Amino acid sequence: MNVHLQIEELILHGFAPADRQRIGAAVEEELTRLLVEQGVPPTLATGGLLARLDGGSFSVSATAKPQQIGRQVAQAIYKGLGR
């Protein structure tokens, strides 16, 4: 199955603007991994279009690296797709 997932806008509060590219790359990498390893959630399997997805909130340490943050963001997105 081919999946095309496009995120128009990702809003993250409380992170350094300089980290946005690295966080975004980590989100893409982790979402790809989750979709391959855990499968496509039913909301996307039928060609669903979501106008908005609330991934909820999560906590990260003040010393978290952008890649760690991106992985957590992707996991929250994936979890939100399964709701």
N, C-alpha and C. Protein backbone atom coordinates (compact mmCIF):
# COMPACT_ATOMS: atom_id res chain seq x y z
N MET A 1 0.84 -1.17 0.00
CA MET A 1 0.00 0.00 0.00
C MET A 1 0.89 1.24 0.00
N ASN A 2 0.60 2.16 -0.86
CA ASN A 2 1.31 3.44 -0.88
C ASN A 2 0.50 4.46 -0.09
N VAL A 3 1.18 5.18 0.76
CA VAL A 3 0.52 6.20 1.58
C VAL A 3 1.19 7.53 1.31
N HIS A 4 0.38 8.52 1.06
CA HIS A 4 0.89 9.89 0.92
C HIS A 4 0.29 10.69 2.06
N LEU A 5 1.11 11.08 3.00
CA LEU A 5 0.67 11.84 4.16
C LEU A 5 1.26 13.23 4.06
N GLN A 6 0.42 14.21 4.05
CA GLN A 6 0.88 15.60 3.95
C GLN A 6 0.39 16.36 5.17
N ILE A 7 1.31 16.97 5.86
CA ILE A 7 0.98 17.80 7.01
C ILE A 7 1.18 19.24 6.58
N GLU A 8 0.08 19.95 6.45
CA GLU A 8 0.14 21.34 6.00
C GLU A 8 0.81 22.24 7.03
N GLU A 9 0.43 22.05 8.27
CA GLU A 9 0.96 22.92 9.32
C GLU A 9 1.08 22.12 10.60
N LEU A 10 2.22 22.22 11.23
CA LEU A 10 2.47 21.56 12.50
C LEU A 10 2.78 22.65 13.50
N ILE A 11 1.93 22.77 14.50
CA ILE A 11 2.08 23.84 15.49
C ILE A 11 2.62 23.23 16.78
N LEU A 12 3.79 23.69 17.17
CA LEU A 12 4.43 23.25 18.40
C LEU A 12 4.75 24.49 19.23
N HIS A 13 4.31 24.48 20.46
CA HIS A 13 4.57 25.61 21.35
C HIS A 13 5.71 25.27 22.31
N GLY A 14 6.57 26.23 22.54
CA GLY A 14 7.60 26.06 23.56
C GLY A 14 8.94 25.52 23.06
N PHE A 15 9.13 25.48 21.75
CA PHE A 15 10.39 24.98 21.21
C PHE A 15 11.11 26.07 20.45
N ALA A 16 12.42 25.97 20.40
CA ALA A 16 13.24 26.98 19.73
C ALA A 16 12.97 26.98 18.22
N PRO A 17 12.70 28.14 17.63
CA PRO A 17 12.48 28.20 16.18
C PRO A 17 13.64 27.62 15.38
N ALA A 18 14.85 27.74 15.89
CA ALA A 18 16.01 27.21 15.18
C ALA A 18 16.00 25.69 15.06
N ASP A 19 15.20 25.02 15.90
CA ASP A 19 15.13 23.56 15.88
C ASP A 19 14.04 23.02 14.96
N ARG A 20 13.27 23.88 14.34
CA ARG A 20 12.09 23.42 13.60
C ARG A 20 12.41 22.45 12.47
N GLN A 21 13.49 22.68 11.73
CA GLN A 21 13.83 21.77 10.62
C GLN A 21 14.22 20.38 11.14
N ARG A 22 15.00 20.35 12.20
CA ARG A 22 15.42 19.06 12.76
C ARG A 22 14.25 18.33 13.41
N ILE A 23 13.37 19.06 14.06
CA ILE A 23 12.18 18.43 14.64
C ILE A 23 11.31 17.89 13.52
N GLY A 24 11.10 18.67 12.47
CA GLY A 24 10.29 18.23 11.34
C GLY A 24 10.84 16.99 10.67
N ALA A 25 12.15 16.93 10.49
CA ALA A 25 12.77 15.75 9.88
C ALA A 25 12.59 14.52 10.75
N ALA A 26 12.70 14.70 12.06
CA ALA A 26 12.52 13.58 12.98
C ALA A 26 11.07 13.12 12.99
N VAL A 27 10.12 14.05 12.88
CA VAL A 27 8.71 13.69 12.80
C VAL A 27 8.48 12.82 11.57
N GLU A 28 9.00 13.25 10.44
CA GLU A 28 8.82 12.50 9.18
C GLU A 28 9.43 11.10 9.29
N GLU A 29 10.62 11.02 9.83
CA GLU A 29 11.30 9.73 9.97
C GLU A 29 10.52 8.78 10.88
N GLU A 30 10.08 9.28 12.01
CA GLU A 30 9.37 8.44 12.98
C GLU A 30 7.99 8.05 12.47
N LEU A 31 7.27 8.97 11.82
CA LEU A 31 5.97 8.62 11.26
C LEU A 31 6.10 7.53 10.20
N THR A 32 7.13 7.63 9.39
CA THR A 32 7.37 6.60 8.38
C THR A 32 7.61 5.26 9.05
N ARG A 33 8.43 5.26 10.08
CA ARG A 33 8.72 4.01 10.80
C ARG A 33 7.44 3.42 11.40
N LEU A 34 6.64 4.26 12.03
CA LEU A 34 5.40 3.78 12.66
C LEU A 34 4.43 3.21 11.64
N LEU A 35 4.29 3.89 10.52
CA LEU A 35 3.37 3.41 9.47
C LEU A 35 3.84 2.09 8.89
N VAL A 36 5.14 1.93 8.71
CA VAL A 36 5.67 0.68 8.16
C VAL A 36 5.55 -0.45 9.18
N GLU A 37 5.95 -0.20 10.41
CA GLU A 37 6.00 -1.25 11.42
C GLU A 37 4.66 -1.56 12.06
N GLN A 38 3.82 -0.53 12.26
CA GLN A 38 2.56 -0.75 12.97
C GLN A 38 1.33 -0.65 12.07
N GLY A 39 1.53 -0.26 10.83
CA GLY A 39 0.43 -0.24 9.89
C GLY A 39 -0.25 1.11 9.78
N VAL A 40 -1.10 1.18 8.78
CA VAL A 40 -1.84 2.41 8.50
C VAL A 40 -3.11 2.41 9.35
N PRO A 41 -3.34 3.45 10.14
CA PRO A 41 -4.55 3.53 10.95
C PRO A 41 -5.80 3.55 10.05
N PRO A 42 -6.91 3.02 10.54
CA PRO A 42 -8.15 2.98 9.75
C PRO A 42 -8.58 4.35 9.20
N THR A 43 -8.27 5.42 9.93
CA THR A 43 -8.67 6.75 9.46
C THR A 43 -7.98 7.12 8.16
N LEU A 44 -6.82 6.54 7.88
CA LEU A 44 -6.10 6.81 6.64
C LEU A 44 -6.27 5.71 5.61
N ALA A 45 -6.56 4.50 6.05
CA ALA A 45 -6.64 3.35 5.15
C ALA A 45 -7.73 3.52 4.09
N THR A 46 -8.75 4.28 4.40
CA THR A 46 -9.85 4.47 3.45
C THR A 46 -9.70 5.76 2.66
N GLY A 47 -8.51 6.32 2.68
CA GLY A 47 -8.26 7.56 1.94
C GLY A 47 -8.80 8.78 2.65
N GLY A 48 -8.87 8.70 3.96
CA GLY A 48 -9.44 9.77 4.76
C GLY A 48 -8.67 11.07 4.69
N LEU A 49 -9.40 12.14 4.79
CA LEU A 49 -8.83 13.48 4.83
C LEU A 49 -9.21 14.08 6.17
N LEU A 50 -8.23 14.51 6.91
CA LEU A 50 -8.48 15.11 8.22
C LEU A 50 -8.19 16.60 8.14
N ALA A 51 -9.16 17.39 8.50
CA ALA A 51 -8.96 18.84 8.49
C ALA A 51 -8.08 19.27 9.65
N ARG A 52 -8.15 18.50 10.73
CA ARG A 52 -7.39 18.86 11.93
C ARG A 52 -7.18 17.62 12.76
N LEU A 53 -6.02 17.53 13.39
CA LEU A 53 -5.72 16.42 14.28
C LEU A 53 -5.07 16.99 15.53
N ASP A 54 -5.65 16.70 16.66
CA ASP A 54 -5.08 17.14 17.93
C ASP A 54 -4.27 15.97 18.47
N GLY A 55 -2.96 16.13 18.45
CA GLY A 55 -2.07 15.08 18.94
C GLY A 55 -1.94 15.07 20.45
N GLY A 56 -2.61 15.98 21.13
CA GLY A 56 -2.53 16.04 22.58
C GLY A 56 -1.28 16.74 23.04
N SER A 57 -0.87 16.43 24.24
CA SER A 57 0.32 17.06 24.81
C SER A 57 1.26 15.98 25.34
N PHE A 58 2.49 16.37 25.54
CA PHE A 58 3.48 15.47 26.08
C PHE A 58 4.54 16.31 26.77
N SER A 59 5.32 15.66 27.59
CA SER A 59 6.38 16.35 28.33
C SER A 59 7.74 15.92 27.79
N VAL A 60 8.63 16.87 27.69
CA VAL A 60 10.01 16.58 27.33
C VAL A 60 10.92 17.32 28.30
N SER A 61 12.10 16.78 28.48
CA SER A 61 13.03 17.44 29.38
C SER A 61 13.59 18.69 28.70
N ALA A 62 14.08 19.59 29.49
CA ALA A 62 14.64 20.83 28.97
C ALA A 62 15.88 20.57 28.12
N THR A 63 16.49 19.42 28.28
CA THR A 63 17.70 19.09 27.53
C THR A 63 17.43 18.17 26.33
N ALA A 64 16.15 17.93 26.04
CA ALA A 64 15.81 17.04 24.92
C ALA A 64 16.32 17.61 23.60
N LYS A 65 16.85 16.74 22.79
CA LYS A 65 17.36 17.12 21.48
C LYS A 65 16.21 17.14 20.47
N PRO A 66 16.34 17.92 19.40
CA PRO A 66 15.26 18.02 18.41
C PRO A 66 14.80 16.66 17.88
N GLN A 67 15.72 15.71 17.71
CA GLN A 67 15.32 14.40 17.21
C GLN A 67 14.41 13.68 18.21
N GLN A 68 14.70 13.80 19.49
CA GLN A 68 13.86 13.18 20.51
C GLN A 68 12.47 13.84 20.52
N ILE A 69 12.46 15.13 20.39
CA ILE A 69 11.20 15.88 20.37
C ILE A 69 10.38 15.45 19.15
N GLY A 70 11.02 15.38 18.00
CA GLY A 70 10.33 14.97 16.78
C GLY A 70 9.73 13.58 16.88
N ARG A 71 10.45 12.66 17.50
CA ARG A 71 9.92 11.30 17.68
C ARG A 71 8.67 11.33 18.55
N GLN A 72 8.70 12.12 19.61
CA GLN A 72 7.53 12.20 20.49
C GLN A 72 6.35 12.84 19.76
N VAL A 73 6.62 13.86 18.98
CA VAL A 73 5.56 14.50 18.20
C VAL A 73 4.93 13.49 17.25
N ALA A 74 5.75 12.73 16.53
CA ALA A 74 5.26 11.74 15.58
C ALA A 74 4.43 10.66 16.28
N GLN A 75 4.86 10.23 17.45
CA GLN A 75 4.12 9.23 18.19
C GLN A 75 2.76 9.77 18.63
N ALA A 76 2.71 11.04 19.02
CA ALA A 76 1.44 11.66 19.38
C ALA A 76 0.52 11.77 18.16
N ILE A 77 1.08 12.11 17.01
CA ILE A 77 0.29 12.20 15.78
C ILE A 77 -0.25 10.81 15.42
N TYR A 78 0.60 9.82 15.44
CA TYR A 78 0.18 8.46 15.09
C TYR A 78 -0.93 7.99 16.03
N LYS A 79 -0.75 8.25 17.31
CA LYS A 79 -1.77 7.86 18.30
C LYS A 79 -3.09 8.59 17.99
N GLY A 80 -3.00 9.87 17.64
CA GLY A 80 -4.20 10.64 17.31
C GLY A 80 -4.91 10.12 16.07
N LEU A 81 -4.16 9.56 15.14
CA LEU A 81 -4.76 8.99 13.92
C LEU A 81 -5.57 7.74 14.24
N GLY A 82 -5.21 7.07 15.31
CA GLY A 82 -5.90 5.85 15.68
C GLY A 82 -7.17 6.08 16.47
N ARG A 83 -7.47 7.30 16.80
CA ARG A 83 -8.68 7.59 17.60
C ARG A 83 -9.89 7.69 16.73
